[in-house]
Amino acid sequence: EEAASDEKQNLVKASEDDDEDDSTSSSGLEMEVDAAAYMSELRSEVQQLRDELMITRKENEEALRKDLLTYIRTLPEQELRNLT
């Protein structure tokens, strides 16, 4: 059982300073994380970001569509006829 528990956990090692050089010693932070829970959290975050991206894209498309409609509505009649 203990081996199975060990398989479910990953050892995550994060350095406090990503730009460390040889002259500086780094005191890293080590933390054990349940891999399944971590993956679930990452999946949730990815889905949230996808949802936000979709909303932003829809807002941008709507703004562009409104701008295009405004442009078309303000065209002189002759230019409007040329479009059709």
N, C-alpha and C. Protein backbone atom coordinates (compact mmCIF):
# COMPACT_ATOMS: atom_id res chain seq x y z
N GLU A 1 0.82 -1.20 0.00
CA GLU A 1 0.00 0.00 0.00
C GLU A 1 0.86 1.26 0.00
N GLU A 2 1.95 1.20 0.74
CA GLU A 2 2.83 2.36 0.81
C GLU A 2 3.45 2.66 -0.55
N ALA A 3 3.80 1.60 -1.30
CA ALA A 3 4.38 1.78 -2.63
C ALA A 3 3.35 2.41 -3.56
N ALA A 4 2.08 1.97 -3.44
CA ALA A 4 1.02 2.54 -4.27
C ALA A 4 0.82 4.01 -3.94
N SER A 5 0.92 4.33 -2.65
CA SER A 5 0.79 5.72 -2.23
C SER A 5 1.92 6.55 -2.79
N ASP A 6 3.12 5.99 -2.81
CA ASP A 6 4.28 6.69 -3.36
C ASP A 6 4.11 6.93 -4.86
N GLU A 7 3.46 5.98 -5.56
CA GLU A 7 3.26 6.13 -6.99
C GLU A 7 2.30 7.27 -7.29
N LYS A 8 1.37 7.54 -6.37
CA LYS A 8 0.38 8.59 -6.58
C LYS A 8 0.93 9.98 -6.31
N GLN A 9 2.10 10.03 -5.74
CA GLN A 9 2.67 11.33 -5.40
C GLN A 9 3.87 11.63 -6.26
N ASN A 10 3.99 12.88 -6.64
CA ASN A 10 5.16 13.34 -7.39
C ASN A 10 5.95 14.27 -6.49
N LEU A 11 7.22 14.27 -6.67
CA LEU A 11 8.05 15.21 -5.94
C LEU A 11 8.27 16.40 -6.84
N VAL A 12 7.80 17.54 -6.40
CA VAL A 12 7.92 18.76 -7.18
C VAL A 12 9.00 19.60 -6.54
N LYS A 13 9.98 19.95 -7.32
CA LYS A 13 11.07 20.75 -6.79
C LYS A 13 11.08 22.07 -7.52
N ALA A 14 10.91 23.14 -6.77
CA ALA A 14 10.89 24.47 -7.37
C ALA A 14 12.03 25.28 -6.77
N SER A 15 12.75 25.88 -7.62
CA SER A 15 13.84 26.74 -7.18
C SER A 15 13.30 28.12 -6.90
N GLU A 16 13.79 28.76 -5.86
CA GLU A 16 13.33 30.11 -5.54
C GLU A 16 13.79 31.11 -6.58
N ASP A 17 14.89 30.84 -7.25
CA ASP A 17 15.43 31.78 -8.22
C ASP A 17 15.75 31.02 -9.50
N ASP A 18 15.01 31.30 -10.57
CA ASP A 18 15.24 30.61 -11.84
C ASP A 18 16.55 31.04 -12.50
N ASP A 19 17.03 32.20 -12.19
CA ASP A 19 18.23 32.75 -12.82
C ASP A 19 19.45 32.58 -11.94
N GLU A 20 19.55 31.44 -11.27
CA GLU A 20 20.68 31.26 -10.37
C GLU A 20 21.97 31.03 -11.16
N ASP A 21 23.08 31.48 -10.58
CA ASP A 21 24.37 31.22 -11.21
C ASP A 21 25.23 30.40 -10.25
N ASP A 22 26.40 29.98 -10.71
CA ASP A 22 27.24 29.09 -9.92
C ASP A 22 27.72 29.70 -8.61
N SER A 23 27.82 31.02 -8.55
CA SER A 23 28.33 31.66 -7.35
C SER A 23 27.27 31.79 -6.26
N THR A 24 26.02 31.58 -6.61
CA THR A 24 24.94 31.73 -5.65
C THR A 24 24.38 30.36 -5.32
N SER A 25 24.29 30.06 -4.02
CA SER A 25 23.66 28.79 -3.66
C SER A 25 22.16 29.00 -3.59
N SER A 26 21.44 27.97 -3.98
CA SER A 26 19.98 28.08 -4.01
C SER A 26 19.39 27.17 -2.96
N SER A 27 18.52 27.72 -2.14
CA SER A 27 17.80 26.88 -1.20
C SER A 27 16.46 26.57 -1.84
N GLY A 28 16.34 25.38 -2.44
CA GLY A 28 15.13 24.99 -3.17
C GLY A 28 14.01 24.63 -2.22
N LEU A 29 12.82 24.66 -2.73
CA LEU A 29 11.64 24.28 -1.97
C LEU A 29 11.14 22.96 -2.52
N GLU A 30 11.00 21.96 -1.68
CA GLU A 30 10.50 20.67 -2.10
C GLU A 30 9.14 20.43 -1.48
N MET A 31 8.24 19.86 -2.31
CA MET A 31 6.90 19.64 -1.83
C MET A 31 6.34 18.40 -2.51
N GLU A 32 5.67 17.54 -1.77
CA GLU A 32 5.04 16.37 -2.35
C GLU A 32 3.60 16.73 -2.70
N VAL A 33 3.20 16.33 -3.90
CA VAL A 33 1.88 16.67 -4.39
C VAL A 33 1.22 15.41 -4.93
N ASP A 34 -0.05 15.21 -4.65
CA ASP A 34 -0.81 14.09 -5.22
C ASP A 34 -0.96 14.38 -6.71
N ALA A 35 -0.40 13.51 -7.54
CA ALA A 35 -0.37 13.74 -8.98
C ALA A 35 -1.77 13.83 -9.56
N ALA A 36 -2.69 12.97 -9.13
CA ALA A 36 -4.05 13.00 -9.67
C ALA A 36 -4.75 14.31 -9.32
N ALA A 37 -4.59 14.77 -8.11
CA ALA A 37 -5.21 16.02 -7.69
C ALA A 37 -4.59 17.20 -8.44
N TYR A 38 -3.29 17.15 -8.62
CA TYR A 38 -2.59 18.21 -9.34
C TYR A 38 -3.05 18.27 -10.80
N MET A 39 -3.16 17.11 -11.44
CA MET A 39 -3.62 17.05 -12.83
C MET A 39 -5.06 17.55 -12.94
N SER A 40 -5.90 17.19 -11.98
CA SER A 40 -7.28 17.64 -11.97
C SER A 40 -7.35 19.16 -11.86
N GLU A 41 -6.52 19.70 -11.00
CA GLU A 41 -6.46 21.16 -10.83
C GLU A 41 -5.99 21.84 -12.11
N LEU A 42 -4.99 21.27 -12.76
CA LEU A 42 -4.50 21.82 -14.02
C LEU A 42 -5.57 21.76 -15.11
N ARG A 43 -6.29 20.63 -15.17
CA ARG A 43 -7.36 20.50 -16.17
C ARG A 43 -8.44 21.56 -15.94
N SER A 44 -8.79 21.78 -14.69
CA SER A 44 -9.79 22.80 -14.37
C SER A 44 -9.32 24.18 -14.79
N GLU A 45 -8.07 24.47 -14.53
CA GLU A 45 -7.51 25.77 -14.91
C GLU A 45 -7.49 25.93 -16.43
N VAL A 46 -7.12 24.88 -17.15
CA VAL A 46 -7.10 24.93 -18.61
C VAL A 46 -8.51 25.18 -19.13
N GLN A 47 -9.51 24.49 -18.58
CA GLN A 47 -10.88 24.68 -19.02
C GLN A 47 -11.36 26.10 -18.76
N GLN A 48 -11.00 26.65 -17.61
CA GLN A 48 -11.36 28.03 -17.27
C GLN A 48 -10.72 29.00 -18.27
N LEU A 49 -9.47 28.78 -18.59
CA LEU A 49 -8.79 29.65 -19.55
C LEU A 49 -9.39 29.53 -20.95
N ARG A 50 -9.77 28.32 -21.34
CA ARG A 50 -10.44 28.12 -22.64
C ARG A 50 -11.77 28.87 -22.68
N ASP A 51 -12.53 28.77 -21.59
CA ASP A 51 -13.81 29.48 -21.51
C ASP A 51 -13.60 30.99 -21.63
N GLU A 52 -12.61 31.51 -20.91
CA GLU A 52 -12.32 32.94 -20.97
C GLU A 52 -11.91 33.35 -22.39
N LEU A 53 -11.11 32.52 -23.05
CA LEU A 53 -10.67 32.80 -24.41
C LEU A 53 -11.86 32.82 -25.37
N MET A 54 -12.77 31.87 -25.22
CA MET A 54 -13.94 31.82 -26.07
C MET A 54 -14.81 33.08 -25.88
N ILE A 55 -14.99 33.49 -24.65
CA ILE A 55 -15.77 34.70 -24.37
C ILE A 55 -15.11 35.92 -25.00
N THR A 56 -13.80 36.02 -24.85
CA THR A 56 -13.06 37.16 -25.41
C THR A 56 -13.16 37.17 -26.93
N ARG A 57 -13.03 36.00 -27.54
CA ARG A 57 -13.15 35.92 -29.01
C ARG A 57 -14.53 36.35 -29.47
N LYS A 58 -15.57 35.88 -28.76
CA LYS A 58 -16.94 36.26 -29.13
C LYS A 58 -17.15 37.76 -28.99
N GLU A 59 -16.61 38.33 -27.92
CA GLU A 59 -16.72 39.79 -27.72
C GLU A 59 -16.01 40.54 -28.85
N ASN A 60 -14.84 40.06 -29.23
CA ASN A 60 -14.09 40.71 -30.31
C ASN A 60 -14.82 40.59 -31.65
N GLU A 61 -15.38 39.41 -31.92
CA GLU A 61 -16.14 39.22 -33.15
C GLU A 61 -17.37 40.12 -33.18
N GLU A 62 -18.05 40.23 -32.05
CA GLU A 62 -19.23 41.09 -31.96
C GLU A 62 -18.85 42.55 -32.19
N ALA A 63 -17.76 42.98 -31.58
CA ALA A 63 -17.30 44.36 -31.76
C ALA A 63 -16.94 44.62 -33.22
N LEU A 64 -16.27 43.67 -33.84
CA LEU A 64 -15.90 43.81 -35.24
C LEU A 64 -17.14 43.87 -36.13
N ARG A 65 -18.10 43.01 -35.84
CA ARG A 65 -19.34 42.99 -36.61
C ARG A 65 -20.08 44.32 -36.46
N LYS A 66 -20.14 44.84 -35.26
CA LYS A 66 -20.80 46.13 -35.04
C LYS A 66 -20.07 47.25 -35.78
N ASP A 67 -18.74 47.21 -35.73
CA ASP A 67 -17.95 48.22 -36.44
C ASP A 67 -18.20 48.15 -37.94
N LEU A 68 -18.28 46.95 -38.47
CA LEU A 68 -18.52 46.77 -39.89
C LEU A 68 -19.91 47.28 -40.26
N LEU A 69 -20.91 46.95 -39.44
CA LEU A 69 -22.26 47.43 -39.71
C LEU A 69 -22.33 48.96 -39.65
N THR A 70 -21.65 49.53 -38.68
CA THR A 70 -21.62 50.99 -38.56
C THR A 70 -20.96 51.60 -39.80
N TYR A 71 -19.87 51.01 -40.24
CA TYR A 71 -19.18 51.49 -41.43
C TYR A 71 -20.09 51.43 -42.65
N ILE A 72 -20.76 50.29 -42.82
CA ILE A 72 -21.65 50.13 -43.98
C ILE A 72 -22.80 51.12 -43.92
N ARG A 73 -23.35 51.32 -42.74
CA ARG A 73 -24.48 52.24 -42.60
C ARG A 73 -24.08 53.69 -42.88
N THR A 74 -22.85 54.03 -42.69
CA THR A 74 -22.41 55.41 -42.90
C THR A 74 -21.85 55.66 -44.29
N LEU A 75 -21.82 54.62 -45.12
CA LEU A 75 -21.33 54.81 -46.49
C LEU A 75 -22.28 55.70 -47.29
N PRO A 76 -21.71 56.49 -48.17
CA PRO A 76 -22.57 57.25 -49.08
C PRO A 76 -23.40 56.28 -49.94
N GLU A 77 -24.53 56.73 -50.38
CA GLU A 77 -25.46 55.86 -51.11
C GLU A 77 -24.82 55.22 -52.33
N GLN A 78 -24.03 55.96 -53.06
CA GLN A 78 -23.38 55.42 -54.27
C GLN A 78 -22.43 54.28 -53.90
N GLU A 79 -21.62 54.46 -52.89
CA GLU A 79 -20.71 53.40 -52.47
C GLU A 79 -21.46 52.20 -51.94
N LEU A 80 -22.58 52.44 -51.28
CA LEU A 80 -23.41 51.35 -50.79
C LEU A 80 -23.96 50.53 -51.94
N ARG A 81 -24.36 51.20 -53.01
CA ARG A 81 -24.87 50.49 -54.20
C ARG A 81 -23.76 49.65 -54.82
N ASN A 82 -22.54 50.16 -54.80
CA ASN A 82 -21.40 49.43 -55.38
C ASN A 82 -21.13 48.11 -54.64
N LEU A 83 -21.50 48.07 -53.37
CA LEU A 83 -21.28 46.86 -52.58
C LEU A 83 -22.21 45.72 -52.98
N THR A 84 -23.40 46.09 -53.48
CA THR A 84 -24.39 45.05 -53.80
C THR A 84 -24.40 44.67 -55.24
